[in-house]
Amino acid sequence: MIVRLSSLGDILHVLPAFHSLRTSFPEAEIDWLVEERTSSVLSAVAGIDSVLVIDTKALRKTPWNRAAWKQNWQAIRTMRSKHYDVAIDFQGLLKTGLLSLLSGARTRIGFGKELARESGAAFFCSRTLSKPEKQQHVVAQNQALAELAGAAAGPPTAELLAPPGDVEQIERLLARASVRDFAVINPGGGWYTKRWNPVKYGALAKRIRSELGLQVIVTTGPGEEALYREISANSGGSQLLHLVLPFLLLIPLFRRARVVVGGDTGPFHLACALGTPVVGIFGPTSPVRNGPWRSRDEAVAHVLPCSYCNGRTCPTDNECMEIPVEEVFEAVVRRLRKEVEHSK
């Protein structure tokens, strides 16, 4: 049993480790325990035998809710009925450690005290991963956890499926808008501190359109329409296509994109998982740990003494995200050039 409850980006970071487990143990039953609100992404992952859904958020919001307790207790009963040999906690929280214990698995693998997000989570593990000497990408950490369970080492690989209907829907959408060769800008982010200035995104879109000859699609989530409007208003009249899509529809869209530009957020990590060329813009989070997965990809950061603080608020008015448009545009040019060279 894999335990990684949320979030979308963090679940995507576990996919290479899952792929290693799946290929190393082709006959094994591998299930995944996940929060209800992020479970849909696992429908695109090939090779999972069962997805076990739990809703701890409902219990936190309404701890007196009998229906929520009943639903979660049923999930735990289902989990225990599986009689797992191994549970791997890829999240490192007290609650995920407890869920691993409740699974009944004799072997429970997780992060050691120095790596776990909550050090007490290591108490629930029978085997733990020690902190490496140097900071690693979270994908590499998750891979090391899979190797602790006996999986073979290998390059980061993720397999995501898009139903034919989703592919056809995106193809029709692009055809109606007469979009063929395009870049994607995803300006959103769960924390405002991760967001690059939409005025600068607008200037970047203008340069991508005028100097590289690529059309530009701006993807946003619900409630982020203001970001698109500000980008469009500062794009020098460039015709931008704005799409608000369900997360899984980004899979066929990103597969068609020449490059995806954005910050440390779920859609950016989805593009990384798909192998789409990416340019990441980083400030409060480290590109070494959370950046692109592949060496050909690009990450841009303005390094300050307070950089990589992981802060959701900022006393310096988000100074670490004051990255010039020129630096990001040059990174886009480099990434596109490297993709051409790699394809020869």
C-alpha atoms as a PDB file:
ATOM      1  CA  MET A   1       0.000   0.000   0.000  1.00  0.00           C
ATOM      2  CA  ILE A   2       1.214   3.439  -0.998  1.00  0.00           C
ATOM      3  CA  VAL A   3       0.198   6.243   1.350  1.00  0.00           C
ATOM      4  CA  ARG A   4       0.270   9.701  -0.232  1.00  0.00           C
ATOM      5  CA  LEU A   5      -2.926  11.555   0.525  1.00  0.00           C
ATOM      6  CA  SER A   6      -2.325  14.905  -1.179  1.00  0.00           C
ATOM      7  CA  SER A   7      -1.579  17.351  -2.820  1.00  0.00           C
ATOM      8  CA  LEU A   8      -1.739  17.055  -6.622  1.00  0.00           C
ATOM      9  CA  GLY A   9       1.894  18.046  -7.134  1.00  0.00           C
ATOM     10  CA  ASP A  10       3.101  15.796  -4.329  1.00  0.00           C
ATOM     11  CA  ILE A  11       1.145  12.843  -5.703  1.00  0.00           C
ATOM     12  CA  LEU A  12       2.772  13.404  -9.105  1.00  0.00           C
ATOM     13  CA  HIS A  13       6.175  13.388  -7.395  1.00  0.00           C
ATOM     14  CA  VAL A  14       5.496   9.834  -6.188  1.00  0.00           C
ATOM     15  CA  LEU A  15       4.734   8.472  -9.678  1.00  0.00           C
ATOM     16  CA  PRO A  16       8.354   7.577 -10.589  1.00  0.00           C
ATOM     17  CA  ALA A  17       8.657   5.646  -7.301  1.00  0.00           C
ATOM     18  CA  PHE A  18       5.367   3.895  -8.055  1.00  0.00           C
ATOM     19  CA  HIS A  19       6.626   3.047 -11.550  1.00  0.00           C
ATOM     20  CA  SER A  20       9.756   1.499 -10.032  1.00  0.00           C
ATOM     21  CA  LEU A  21       7.656  -0.563  -7.626  1.00  0.00           C
ATOM     22  CA  ARG A  22       5.301  -1.666 -10.395  1.00  0.00           C
ATOM     23  CA  THR A  23       8.101  -2.759 -12.745  1.00  0.00           C
ATOM     24  CA  SER A  24      10.120  -4.383  -9.933  1.00  0.00           C
ATOM     25  CA  PHE A  25       7.148  -6.333  -8.593  1.00  0.00           C
ATOM     26  CA  PRO A  26       4.898  -6.999 -11.603  1.00  0.00           C
ATOM     27  CA  GLU A  27       2.844  -9.650  -9.786  1.00  0.00           C
ATOM     28  CA  ALA A  28       2.264  -7.616  -6.642  1.00  0.00           C
ATOM     29  CA  GLU A  29      -1.015  -5.958  -5.775  1.00  0.00           C
ATOM     30  CA  ILE A  30      -0.245  -2.267  -5.302  1.00  0.00           C
ATOM     31  CA  ASP A  31      -2.974  -0.037  -3.878  1.00  0.00           C
ATOM     32  CA  TRP A  32      -2.901   3.692  -3.130  1.00  0.00           C
ATOM     33  CA  LEU A  33      -4.478   5.454  -0.136  1.00  0.00           C
ATOM     34  CA  VAL A  34      -5.427   9.030  -1.057  1.00  0.00           C
ATOM     35  CA  GLU A  35      -7.635  11.919   0.051  1.00  0.00           C
ATOM     36  CA  GLU A  36     -10.987  12.128  -1.713  1.00  0.00           C
ATOM     37  CA  ARG A  37     -10.338  15.648  -3.036  1.00  0.00           C
ATOM     38  CA  THR A  38      -7.165  14.592  -4.901  1.00  0.00           C
ATOM     39  CA  SER A  39      -8.119  11.041  -5.838  1.00  0.00           C
ATOM     40  CA  SER A  40      -9.201  11.822  -9.420  1.00  0.00           C
ATOM     41  CA  VAL A  41      -5.616  12.242 -10.643  1.00  0.00           C
ATOM     42  CA  LEU A  42      -4.910   8.573  -9.887  1.00  0.00           C
ATOM     43  CA  SER A  43      -7.456   7.547 -12.518  1.00  0.00           C
ATOM     44  CA  ALA A  44      -4.828   8.594 -15.074  1.00  0.00           C
ATOM     45  CA  VAL A  45      -2.113   6.371 -13.576  1.00  0.00           C
ATOM     46  CA  ALA A  46      -1.691   2.946 -15.167  1.00  0.00           C
ATOM     47  CA  GLY A  47      -0.927  -0.043 -12.953  1.00  0.00           C
ATOM     48  CA  ILE A  48      -2.671   0.807  -9.676  1.00  0.00           C
ATOM     49  CA  ASP A  49      -4.767  -2.147  -8.552  1.00  0.00           C
ATOM     50  CA  SER A  50      -7.071  -0.250  -6.180  1.00  0.00           C
ATOM     51  CA  VAL A  51      -7.475   3.355  -5.093  1.00  0.00           C
ATOM     52  CA  LEU A  52      -8.551   3.600  -1.441  1.00  0.00           C
ATOM     53  CA  VAL A  53     -10.224   6.919  -0.673  1.00  0.00           C
ATOM     54  CA  ILE A  54     -10.261   8.610   2.721  1.00  0.00           C
ATOM     55  CA  ASP A  55     -11.489  12.058   3.769  1.00  0.00           C
ATOM     56  CA  THR A  56      -9.514  13.359   6.723  1.00  0.00           C
ATOM     57  CA  LYS A  57     -10.365  16.947   5.777  1.00  0.00           C
ATOM     58  CA  ALA A  58     -14.028  16.346   6.572  1.00  0.00           C
ATOM     59  CA  LEU A  59     -13.056  15.123  10.032  1.00  0.00           C
ATOM     60  CA  ARG A  60     -10.879  18.170  10.646  1.00  0.00           C
ATOM     61  CA  LYS A  61     -13.653  20.542   9.575  1.00  0.00           C
ATOM     62  CA  THR A  62     -16.500  18.764  11.371  1.00  0.00           C
ATOM     63  CA  PRO A  63     -15.072  16.298  13.911  1.00  0.00           C
ATOM     64  CA  TRP A  64     -18.591  15.625  15.256  1.00  0.00           C
ATOM     65  CA  ASN A  65     -19.888  14.529  11.823  1.00  0.00           C
ATOM     66  CA  ARG A  66     -21.011  10.902  12.210  1.00  0.00           C
ATOM     67  CA  ALA A  67     -21.198  10.356   8.436  1.00  0.00           C
ATOM     68  CA  ALA A  68     -17.570  11.435   8.033  1.00  0.00           C
ATOM     69  CA  TRP A  69     -16.463   9.091  10.820  1.00  0.00           C
ATOM     70  CA  LYS A  70     -18.436   6.247   9.259  1.00  0.00           C
ATOM     71  CA  GLN A  71     -16.950   6.868   5.813  1.00  0.00           C
ATOM     72  CA  ASN A  72     -13.390   6.956   7.125  1.00  0.00           C
ATOM     73  CA  TRP A  73     -13.865   3.948   9.356  1.00  0.00           C
ATOM     74  CA  GLN A  74     -15.160   2.003   6.363  1.00  0.00           C
ATOM     75  CA  ALA A  75     -12.040   3.014   4.421  1.00  0.00           C
ATOM     76  CA  ILE A  76      -9.848   1.750   7.269  1.00  0.00           C
ATOM     77  CA  ARG A  77     -11.780  -1.530   7.430  1.00  0.00           C
ATOM     78  CA  THR A  78     -11.322  -1.997   3.680  1.00  0.00           C
ATOM     79  CA  MET A  79      -7.631  -1.233   4.048  1.00  0.00           C
ATOM     80  CA  ARG A  80      -7.203  -3.779   6.855  1.00  0.00           C
ATOM     81  CA  SER A  81      -9.076  -6.450   4.910  1.00  0.00           C
ATOM     82  CA  LYS A  82      -6.357  -6.325   2.249  1.00  0.00           C
ATOM     83  CA  HIS A  83      -3.720  -7.790   4.621  1.00  0.00           C
ATOM     84  CA  TYR A  84      -0.851  -5.783   3.149  1.00  0.00           C
ATOM     85  CA  ASP A  85       2.692  -7.054   3.483  1.00  0.00           C
ATOM     86  CA  VAL A  86       4.185  -3.567   3.105  1.00  0.00           C
ATOM     87  CA  ALA A  87       2.922  -0.013   3.602  1.00  0.00           C
ATOM     88  CA  ILE A  88       5.039   2.885   2.307  1.00  0.00           C
ATOM     89  CA  ASP A  89       4.343   6.343   3.721  1.00  0.00           C
ATOM     90  CA  PHE A  90       5.446   8.927   1.146  1.00  0.00           C
ATOM     91  CA  GLN A  91       3.998  11.840   3.151  1.00  0.00           C
ATOM     92  CA  GLY A  92       5.650  11.699   6.560  1.00  0.00           C
ATOM     93  CA  LEU A  93       2.814  13.035   8.712  1.00  0.00           C
ATOM     94  CA  LEU A  94       1.538  11.698  12.009  1.00  0.00           C
ATOM     95  CA  LYS A  95      -1.789  10.839  10.392  1.00  0.00           C
ATOM     96  CA  THR A  96      -0.184   9.011   7.458  1.00  0.00           C
ATOM     97  CA  GLY A  97       2.087   7.117   9.836  1.00  0.00           C
ATOM     98  CA  LEU A  98      -0.947   6.128  11.898  1.00  0.00           C
ATOM     99  CA  LEU A  99      -2.810   5.023   8.776  1.00  0.00           C
ATOM    100  CA  SER A 100       0.175   2.876   7.798  1.00  0.00           C
ATOM    101  CA  LEU A 101       0.033   1.257  11.238  1.00  0.00           C
ATOM    102  CA  LEU A 102      -3.735   0.750  10.998  1.00  0.00           C
ATOM    103  CA  SER A 103      -3.260  -1.024   7.658  1.00  0.00           C
ATOM    104  CA  GLY A 104      -1.878  -3.988   9.599  1.00  0.00           C
ATOM    105  CA  ALA A 105       1.220  -4.212   7.388  1.00  0.00           C
ATOM    106  CA  ARG A 106       4.141  -5.738   9.267  1.00  0.00           C
ATOM    107  CA  THR A 107       6.674  -3.793   7.224  1.00  0.00           C
ATOM    108  CA  ARG A 108       6.035  -0.054   7.302  1.00  0.00           C
ATOM    109  CA  ILE A 109       8.511   2.108   5.404  1.00  0.00           C
ATOM    110  CA  GLY A 110       8.795   5.868   5.658  1.00  0.00           C
ATOM    111  CA  PHE A 111      11.004   8.881   6.167  1.00  0.00           C
ATOM    112  CA  GLY A 112      13.262   9.150   9.201  1.00  0.00           C
ATOM    113  CA  LYS A 113      12.855  11.891  11.798  1.00  0.00           C
ATOM    114  CA  GLU A 114      15.015  14.394   9.916  1.00  0.00           C
ATOM    115  CA  LEU A 115      13.163  13.869   6.612  1.00  0.00           C
ATOM    116  CA  ALA A 116       9.558  13.456   7.738  1.00  0.00           C
ATOM    117  CA  ARG A 117       7.382  16.574   7.686  1.00  0.00           C
ATOM    118  CA  GLU A 118       6.347  15.657  11.235  1.00  0.00           C
ATOM    119  CA  SER A 119       9.193  13.868  12.989  1.00  0.00           C
ATOM    120  CA  GLY A 120       6.824  11.723  15.033  1.00  0.00           C
ATOM    121  CA  ALA A 121       5.703   9.956  11.848  1.00  0.00           C
ATOM    122  CA  ALA A 122       8.927   7.928  11.950  1.00  0.00           C
ATOM    123  CA  PHE A 123       7.679   6.281  15.156  1.00  0.00           C
ATOM    124  CA  PHE A 124       5.111   4.301  13.152  1.00  0.00           C
ATOM    125  CA  CYS A 125       7.714   2.920  10.717  1.00  0.00           C
ATOM    126  CA  SER A 126       9.631  -0.325  11.002  1.00  0.00           C
ATOM    127  CA  ARG A 127      12.134   0.848   8.400  1.00  0.00           C
ATOM    128  CA  THR A 128      13.114   4.470   7.719  1.00  0.00           C
ATOM    129  CA  LEU A 129      15.053   6.474   5.155  1.00  0.00           C
ATOM    130  CA  SER A 130      17.894   8.612   6.526  1.00  0.00           C
ATOM    131  CA  LYS A 131      18.448  12.208   5.484  1.00  0.00           C
ATOM    132  CA  PRO A 132      20.990  12.482   2.608  1.00  0.00           C
ATOM    133  CA  GLU A 133      24.104  14.604   2.933  1.00  0.00           C
ATOM    134  CA  LYS A 134      22.951  16.988   0.188  1.00  0.00           C
ATOM    135  CA  GLN A 135      19.501  18.261  -0.638  1.00  0.00           C
ATOM    136  CA  GLN A 136      17.731  16.055  -3.177  1.00  0.00           C
ATOM    137  CA  HIS A 137      14.802  16.533  -5.456  1.00  0.00           C
ATOM    138  CA  VAL A 138      11.666  15.164  -3.811  1.00  0.00           C
ATOM    139  CA  VAL A 139      11.329  12.714  -6.731  1.00  0.00           C
ATOM    140  CA  ALA A 140      14.751  11.286  -5.849  1.00  0.00           C
ATOM    141  CA  GLN A 141      13.769  11.034  -2.164  1.00  0.00           C
ATOM    142  CA  ASN A 142      10.606   9.161  -3.065  1.00  0.00           C
ATOM    143  CA  GLN A 143      12.603   6.869  -5.353  1.00  0.00           C
ATOM    144  CA  ALA A 144      15.000   6.125  -2.495  1.00  0.00           C
ATOM    145  CA  LEU A 145      12.004   5.183  -0.334  1.00  0.00           C
ATOM    146  CA  ALA A 146      10.834   2.754  -3.028  1.00  0.00           C
ATOM    147  CA  GLU A 147      14.334   1.286  -3.214  1.00  0.00           C
ATOM    148  CA  LEU A 148      14.196   0.742   0.553  1.00  0.00           C
ATOM    149  CA  ALA A 149      11.218  -1.482  -0.203  1.00  0.00           C
ATOM    150  CA  GLY A 150      13.277  -3.433  -2.755  1.00  0.00           C
ATOM    151  CA  ALA A 151      12.456  -1.581  -5.973  1.00  0.00           C
ATOM    152  CA  ALA A 152      15.137  -1.249  -8.633  1.00  0.00           C
ATOM    153  CA  ALA A 153      16.781   2.122  -9.227  1.00  0.00           C
ATOM    154  CA  GLY A 154      16.115   3.904 -12.502  1.00  0.00           C
ATOM    155  CA  PRO A 155      15.522   7.263 -14.183  1.00  0.00           C
ATOM    156  CA  PRO A 156      12.366   9.155 -13.184  1.00  0.00           C
ATOM    157  CA  THR A 157       9.515   7.754 -15.247  1.00  0.00           C
ATOM    158  CA  ALA A 158       5.790   8.373 -14.983  1.00  0.00           C
ATOM    159  CA  GLU A 159       2.980   6.948 -17.103  1.00  0.00           C
ATOM    160  CA  LEU A 160      -0.181   9.038 -17.340  1.00  0.00           C
ATOM    161  CA  LEU A 161      -3.141   8.062 -19.492  1.00  0.00           C
ATOM    162  CA  ALA A 162      -5.602  10.328 -21.257  1.00  0.00           C
ATOM    163  CA  PRO A 163      -8.869   8.772 -22.442  1.00  0.00           C
ATOM    164  CA  PRO A 164      -9.486   9.112 -26.207  1.00  0.00           C
ATOM    165  CA  GLY A 165     -12.454  11.367 -25.454  1.00  0.00           C
ATOM    166  CA  ASP A 166     -10.213  13.821 -23.586  1.00  0.00           C
ATOM    167  CA  VAL A 167      -7.701  13.871 -26.434  1.00  0.00           C
ATOM    168  CA  GLU A 168     -10.456  14.488 -28.986  1.00  0.00           C
ATOM    169  CA  GLN A 169     -11.930  17.274 -26.837  1.00  0.00           C
ATOM    170  CA  ILE A 170      -8.602  19.111 -26.700  1.00  0.00           C
ATOM    171  CA  GLU A 171      -7.990  18.577 -30.427  1.00  0.00           C
ATOM    172  CA  ARG A 172     -11.423  20.075 -31.245  1.00  0.00           C
ATOM    173  CA  LEU A 173     -10.810  22.995 -28.890  1.00  0.00           C
ATOM    174  CA  LEU A 174      -7.437  23.794 -30.476  1.00  0.00           C
ATOM    175  CA  ALA A 175      -8.833  23.415 -33.987  1.00  0.00           C
ATOM    176  CA  ARG A 176     -11.712  25.837 -33.280  1.00  0.00           C
ATOM    177  CA  ALA A 177      -9.201  28.409 -32.006  1.00  0.00           C
ATOM    178  CA  SER A 178      -6.802  27.716 -34.933  1.00  0.00           C
ATOM    179  CA  VAL A 179      -4.007  26.935 -32.460  1.00  0.00           C
ATOM    180  CA  ARG A 180      -1.258  24.638 -33.680  1.00  0.00           C
ATOM    181  CA  ASP A 181       2.253  25.415 -32.414  1.00  0.00           C
ATOM    182  CA  PHE A 182       1.971  26.831 -28.917  1.00  0.00           C
ATOM    183  CA  ALA A 183       3.450  27.521 -25.501  1.00  0.00           C
ATOM    184  CA  VAL A 184       1.449  27.301 -22.268  1.00  0.00           C
ATOM    185  CA  ILE A 185       1.642  29.808 -19.432  1.00  0.00           C
ATOM    186  CA  ASN A 186       0.187  28.646 -16.101  1.00  0.00           C
ATOM    187  CA  PRO A 187       0.344  31.677 -13.779  1.00  0.00           C
ATOM    188  CA  GLY A 188      -1.496  30.342 -10.730  1.00  0.00           C
ATOM    189  CA  GLY A 189      -0.266  28.887  -7.475  1.00  0.00           C
ATOM    190  CA  GLY A 190      -1.719  27.714  -4.192  1.00  0.00           C
ATOM    191  CA  TRP A 191       0.300  30.367  -2.341  1.00  0.00           C
ATOM    192  CA  TYR A 192       0.506  33.924  -3.622  1.00  0.00           C
ATOM    193  CA  THR A 193       4.225  33.831  -2.813  1.00  0.00           C
ATOM    194  CA  LYS A 194       4.749  31.285  -5.625  1.00  0.00           C
ATOM    195  CA  ARG A 195       3.161  33.514  -8.277  1.00  0.00           C
ATOM    196  CA  TRP A 196       5.217  35.565 -10.700  1.00  0.00           C
ATOM    197  CA  ASN A 197       3.769  38.997 -11.524  1.00  0.00           C
ATOM    198  CA  PRO A 198       1.005  38.653 -14.168  1.00  0.00           C
ATOM    199  CA  VAL A 199       2.223  41.904 -15.757  1.00  0.00           C
ATOM    200  CA  LYS A 200       5.521  40.145 -16.436  1.00  0.00           C
ATOM    201  CA  TYR A 201       3.723  37.078 -17.723  1.00  0.00           C
ATOM    202  CA  GLY A 202       1.996  39.396 -20.195  1.00  0.00           C
ATOM    203  CA  ALA A 203       5.331  40.786 -21.380  1.00  0.00           C
ATOM    204  CA  LEU A 204       6.671  37.240 -21.662  1.00  0.00           C
ATOM    205  CA  ALA A 205       3.655  36.155 -23.739  1.00  0.00           C
ATOM    206  CA  LYS A 206       4.274  39.081 -26.092  1.00  0.00           C
ATOM    207  CA  ARG A 207       7.900  38.060 -26.649  1.00  0.00           C
ATOM    208  CA  ILE A 208       7.061  34.383 -27.126  1.00  0.00           C
ATOM    209  CA  ARG A 209       4.477  35.352 -29.753  1.00  0.00           C
ATOM    210  CA  SER A 210       6.485  38.000 -31.584  1.00  0.00           C
ATOM    211  CA  GLU A 211      10.037  36.604 -31.359  1.00  0.00           C
ATOM    212  CA  LEU A 212       9.483  32.842 -31.316  1.00  0.00           C
ATOM    213  CA  GLY A 213       6.360  32.665 -33.456  1.00  0.00           C
ATOM    214  CA  LEU A 214       4.492  30.487 -30.974  1.00  0.00           C
ATOM    215  CA  GLN A 215       0.894  30.988 -30.036  1.00  0.00           C
ATOM    216  CA  VAL A 216       0.275  31.307 -26.296  1.00  0.00           C
ATOM    217  CA  ILE A 217      -2.332  29.539 -24.199  1.00  0.00           C
ATOM    218  CA  VAL A 218      -2.942  30.717 -20.634  1.00  0.00           C
ATOM    219  CA  THR A 219      -4.352  28.047 -18.299  1.00  0.00           C
ATOM    220  CA  THR A 220      -5.906  29.008 -14.994  1.00  0.00           C
ATOM    221  CA  GLY A 221      -8.018  27.364 -12.344  1.00  0.00           C
ATOM    222  CA  PRO A 222     -11.497  28.460 -11.283  1.00  0.00           C
ATOM    223  CA  GLY A 223     -11.405  31.881  -9.649  1.00  0.00           C
ATOM    224  CA  GLU A 224      -8.124  32.884 -11.340  1.00  0.00           C
ATOM    225  CA  GLU A 225      -9.724  34.762 -14.241  1.00  0.00           C
ATOM    226  CA  ALA A 226      -8.244  38.053 -12.968  1.00  0.00           C
ATOM    227  CA  LEU A 227      -4.760  36.656 -13.566  1.00  0.00           C
ATOM    228  CA  TYR A 228      -5.600  36.020 -17.207  1.00  0.00           C
ATOM    229  CA  ARG A 229      -7.130  39.471 -17.667  1.00  0.00           C
ATOM    230  CA  GLU A 230      -4.003  41.167 -16.333  1.00  0.00           C
ATOM    231  CA  ILE A 231      -1.749  38.980 -18.499  1.00  0.00           C
ATOM    232  CA  SER A 232      -3.833  39.754 -21.585  1.00  0.00           C
ATOM    233  CA  ALA A 233      -3.896  43.482 -20.826  1.00  0.00           C
ATOM    234  CA  ASN A 234      -0.079  43.533 -20.707  1.00  0.00           C
ATOM    235  CA  SER A 235       0.618  41.287 -23.699  1.00  0.00           C
ATOM    236  CA  GLY A 236       0.803  44.108 -26.245  1.00  0.00           C
ATOM    237  CA  GLY A 237      -2.337  43.018 -28.055  1.00  0.00           C
ATOM    238  CA  SER A 238      -1.165  39.425 -28.538  1.00  0.00           C
ATOM    239  CA  GLN A 239      -4.049  37.046 -29.113  1.00  0.00           C
ATOM    240  CA  LEU A 240      -3.986  34.676 -26.157  1.00  0.00           C
ATOM    241  CA  LEU A 241      -6.231  31.668 -25.697  1.00  0.00           C
ATOM    242  CA  HIS A 242      -7.534  31.374 -22.132  1.00  0.00           C
ATOM    243  CA  LEU A 243      -8.507  27.887 -20.941  1.00  0.00           C
ATOM    244  CA  VAL A 244     -10.040  26.881 -17.606  1.00  0.00           C
ATOM    245  CA  LEU A 245      -9.839  23.102 -17.738  1.00  0.00           C
ATOM    246  CA  PRO A 246     -10.295  20.214 -15.315  1.00  0.00           C
ATOM    247  CA  PHE A 247      -6.893  18.997 -14.182  1.00  0.00           C
ATOM    248  CA  LEU A 248      -6.966  15.770 -16.194  1.00  0.00           C
ATOM    249  CA  LEU A 249      -7.709  17.621 -19.448  1.00  0.00           C
ATOM    250  CA  LEU A 250      -4.336  19.311 -19.055  1.00  0.00           C
ATOM    251  CA  ILE A 251      -2.715  15.962 -19.903  1.00  0.00           C
ATOM    252  CA  PRO A 252      -3.553  15.981 -23.646  1.00  0.00           C
ATOM    253  CA  LEU A 253      -3.065  19.755 -23.785  1.00  0.00           C
ATOM    254  CA  PHE A 254       0.426  19.657 -22.263  1.00  0.00           C
ATOM    255  CA  ARG A 255       1.411  16.731 -24.488  1.00  0.00           C
ATOM    256  CA  ARG A 256       0.814  19.031 -27.468  1.00  0.00           C
ATOM    257  CA  ALA A 257       2.653  22.034 -25.979  1.00  0.00           C
ATOM    258  CA  ARG A 258       6.138  23.036 -27.078  1.00  0.00           C
ATOM    259  CA  VAL A 259       6.886  24.364 -23.585  1.00  0.00           C
ATOM    260  CA  VAL A 260       5.048  25.024 -20.301  1.00  0.00           C
ATOM    261  CA  VAL A 261       6.018  28.008 -18.133  1.00  0.00           C
ATOM    262  CA  GLY A 262       4.841  28.371 -14.542  1.00  0.00           C
ATOM    263  CA  GLY A 263       5.607  28.273 -10.853  1.00  0.00           C
ATOM    264  CA  ASP A 264       5.739  25.511  -8.273  1.00  0.00           C
ATOM    265  CA  THR A 265       2.198  24.193  -8.596  1.00  0.00           C
ATOM    266  CA  GLY A 266       0.239  21.129  -9.683  1.00  0.00           C
ATOM    267  CA  PRO A 267       0.024  21.871 -13.433  1.00  0.00           C
ATOM    268  CA  PHE A 268       3.766  22.557 -13.590  1.00  0.00           C
ATOM    269  CA  HIS A 269       4.538  19.193 -11.978  1.00  0.00           C
ATOM    270  CA  LEU A 270       2.051  17.526 -14.323  1.00  0.00           C
ATOM    271  CA  ALA A 271       4.025  18.872 -17.279  1.00  0.00           C
ATOM    272  CA  CYS A 272       7.211  17.520 -15.686  1.00  0.00           C
ATOM    273  CA  ALA A 273       5.590  14.094 -15.227  1.00  0.00           C
ATOM    274  CA  LEU A 274       4.536  14.065 -18.883  1.00  0.00           C
ATOM    275  CA  GLY A 275       8.030  14.926 -20.090  1.00  0.00           C
ATOM    276  CA  THR A 276       6.843  18.197 -21.645  1.00  0.00           C
ATOM    277  CA  PRO A 277       9.621  20.832 -21.811  1.00  0.00           C
ATOM    278  CA  VAL A 278       9.218  23.205 -18.861  1.00  0.00           C
ATOM    279  CA  VAL A 279      10.559  26.468 -17.492  1.00  0.00           C
ATOM    280  CA  GLY A 280       9.904  26.893 -13.768  1.00  0.00           C
ATOM    281  CA  ILE A 281       9.874  30.198 -11.878  1.00  0.00           C
ATOM    282  CA  PHE A 282      10.873  29.756  -8.228  1.00  0.00           C
ATOM    283  CA  GLY A 283      11.037  31.930  -5.123  1.00  0.00           C
ATOM    284  CA  PRO A 284       9.891  30.597  -1.729  1.00  0.00           C
ATOM    285  CA  THR A 285      10.472  26.964  -2.698  1.00  0.00           C
ATOM    286  CA  SER A 286      13.753  25.454  -3.844  1.00  0.00           C
ATOM    287  CA  PRO A 287      14.138  24.362  -7.488  1.00  0.00           C
ATOM    288  CA  VAL A 288      16.646  21.752  -6.267  1.00  0.00           C
ATOM    289  CA  ARG A 289      13.885  20.046  -4.281  1.00  0.00           C
ATOM    290  CA  ASN A 290      10.733  21.050  -6.183  1.00  0.00           C
ATOM    291  CA  GLY A 291      11.967  22.023  -9.624  1.00  0.00           C
ATOM    292  CA  PRO A 292      11.998  20.266 -12.986  1.00  0.00           C
ATOM    293  CA  TRP A 293      12.720  16.542 -13.012  1.00  0.00           C
ATOM    294  CA  ARG A 294      14.944  16.436 -16.086  1.00  0.00           C
ATOM    295  CA  SER A 295      18.313  18.045 -16.738  1.00  0.00           C
ATOM    296  CA  ARG A 296      17.217  19.621 -20.029  1.00  0.00           C
ATOM    297  CA  ASP A 297      14.503  21.626 -18.291  1.00  0.00           C
ATOM    298  CA  GLU A 298      15.042  25.110 -16.905  1.00  0.00           C
ATOM    299  CA  ALA A 299      14.412  26.753 -13.533  1.00  0.00           C
ATOM    300  CA  VAL A 300      14.775  30.487 -12.889  1.00  0.00           C
ATOM    301  CA  ALA A 301      15.172  31.964  -9.412  1.00  0.00           C
ATOM    302  CA  HIS A 302      16.238  35.253  -7.810  1.00  0.00           C
ATOM    303  CA  VAL A 303      18.335  34.034  -4.901  1.00  0.00           C
ATOM    304  CA  LEU A 304      18.236  36.172  -1.752  1.00  0.00           C
ATOM    305  CA  PRO A 305      19.398  35.464   1.822  1.00  0.00           C
ATOM    306  CA  CYS A 306      15.785  34.582   2.656  1.00  0.00           C
ATOM    307  CA  SER A 307      15.130  32.486  -0.461  1.00  0.00           C
ATOM    308  CA  TYR A 308      13.546  29.037  -0.218  1.00  0.00           C
ATOM    309  CA  CYS A 309      11.867  29.889   3.078  1.00  0.00           C
ATOM    310  CA  ASN A 310       8.742  27.888   2.109  1.00  0.00           C
ATOM    311  CA  GLY A 311       6.721  30.827   3.357  1.00  0.00           C
ATOM    312  CA  ARG A 312       3.094  31.273   2.384  1.00  0.00           C
ATOM    313  CA  THR A 313       3.361  34.930   3.360  1.00  0.00           C
ATOM    314  CA  CYS A 314       6.279  37.298   2.825  1.00  0.00           C
ATOM    315  CA  PRO A 315       7.516  40.316   4.853  1.00  0.00           C
ATOM    316  CA  THR A 316       9.544  41.574   1.844  1.00  0.00           C
ATOM    317  CA  ASP A 317       6.551  41.924  -0.516  1.00  0.00           C
ATOM    318  CA  ASN A 318       7.586  38.798  -2.419  1.00  0.00           C
ATOM    319  CA  GLU A 319      10.953  40.232  -3.431  1.00  0.00           C
ATOM    320  CA  CYS A 320      12.334  36.807  -4.339  1.00  0.00           C
ATOM    321  CA  MET A 321       9.852  36.659  -7.246  1.00  0.00           C
ATOM    322  CA  GLU A 322      11.079  39.923  -8.759  1.00  0.00           C
ATOM    323  CA  ILE A 323      12.656  38.041 -11.664  1.00  0.00           C
ATOM    324  CA  PRO A 324      13.159  40.026 -14.897  1.00  0.00           C
ATOM    325  CA  VAL A 325      11.172  39.030 -17.980  1.00  0.00           C
ATOM    326  CA  GLU A 326      14.432  38.813 -19.916  1.00  0.00           C
ATOM    327  CA  GLU A 327      15.732  35.994 -17.675  1.00  0.00           C
ATOM    328  CA  VAL A 328      12.598  33.914 -18.087  1.00  0.00           C
ATOM    329  CA  PHE A 329      12.433  34.522 -21.838  1.00  0.00           C
ATOM    330  CA  GLU A 330      16.068  33.478 -22.249  1.00  0.00           C
ATOM    331  CA  ALA A 331      15.301  30.293 -20.295  1.00  0.00           C
ATOM    332  CA  VAL A 332      12.402  29.566 -22.686  1.00  0.00           C
ATOM    333  CA  VAL A 333      14.720  30.048 -25.670  1.00  0.00           C
ATOM    334  CA  ARG A 334      17.355  27.752 -24.151  1.00  0.00           C
ATOM    335  CA  ARG A 335      14.781  25.074 -23.359  1.00  0.00           C
ATOM    336  CA  LEU A 336      13.337  25.089 -26.853  1.00  0.00           C
ATOM    337  CA  ARG A 337      16.834  24.953 -28.369  1.00  0.00           C
ATOM    338  CA  LYS A 338      17.797  21.978 -26.190  1.00  0.00           C
ATOM    339  CA  GLU A 339      14.652  20.117 -27.239  1.00  0.00           C
ATOM    340  CA  VAL A 340      15.504  20.618 -30.911  1.00  0.00           C
ATOM    341  CA  GLU A 341      19.061  19.431 -30.330  1.00  0.00           C
ATOM    342  CA  HIS A 342      17.843  16.396 -28.355  1.00  0.00           C
ATOM    343  CA  SER A 343      15.440  15.355 -31.119  1.00  0.00           C
ATOM    344  CA  LYS A 344      18.163  15.293 -33.810  1.00  0.00           C
END
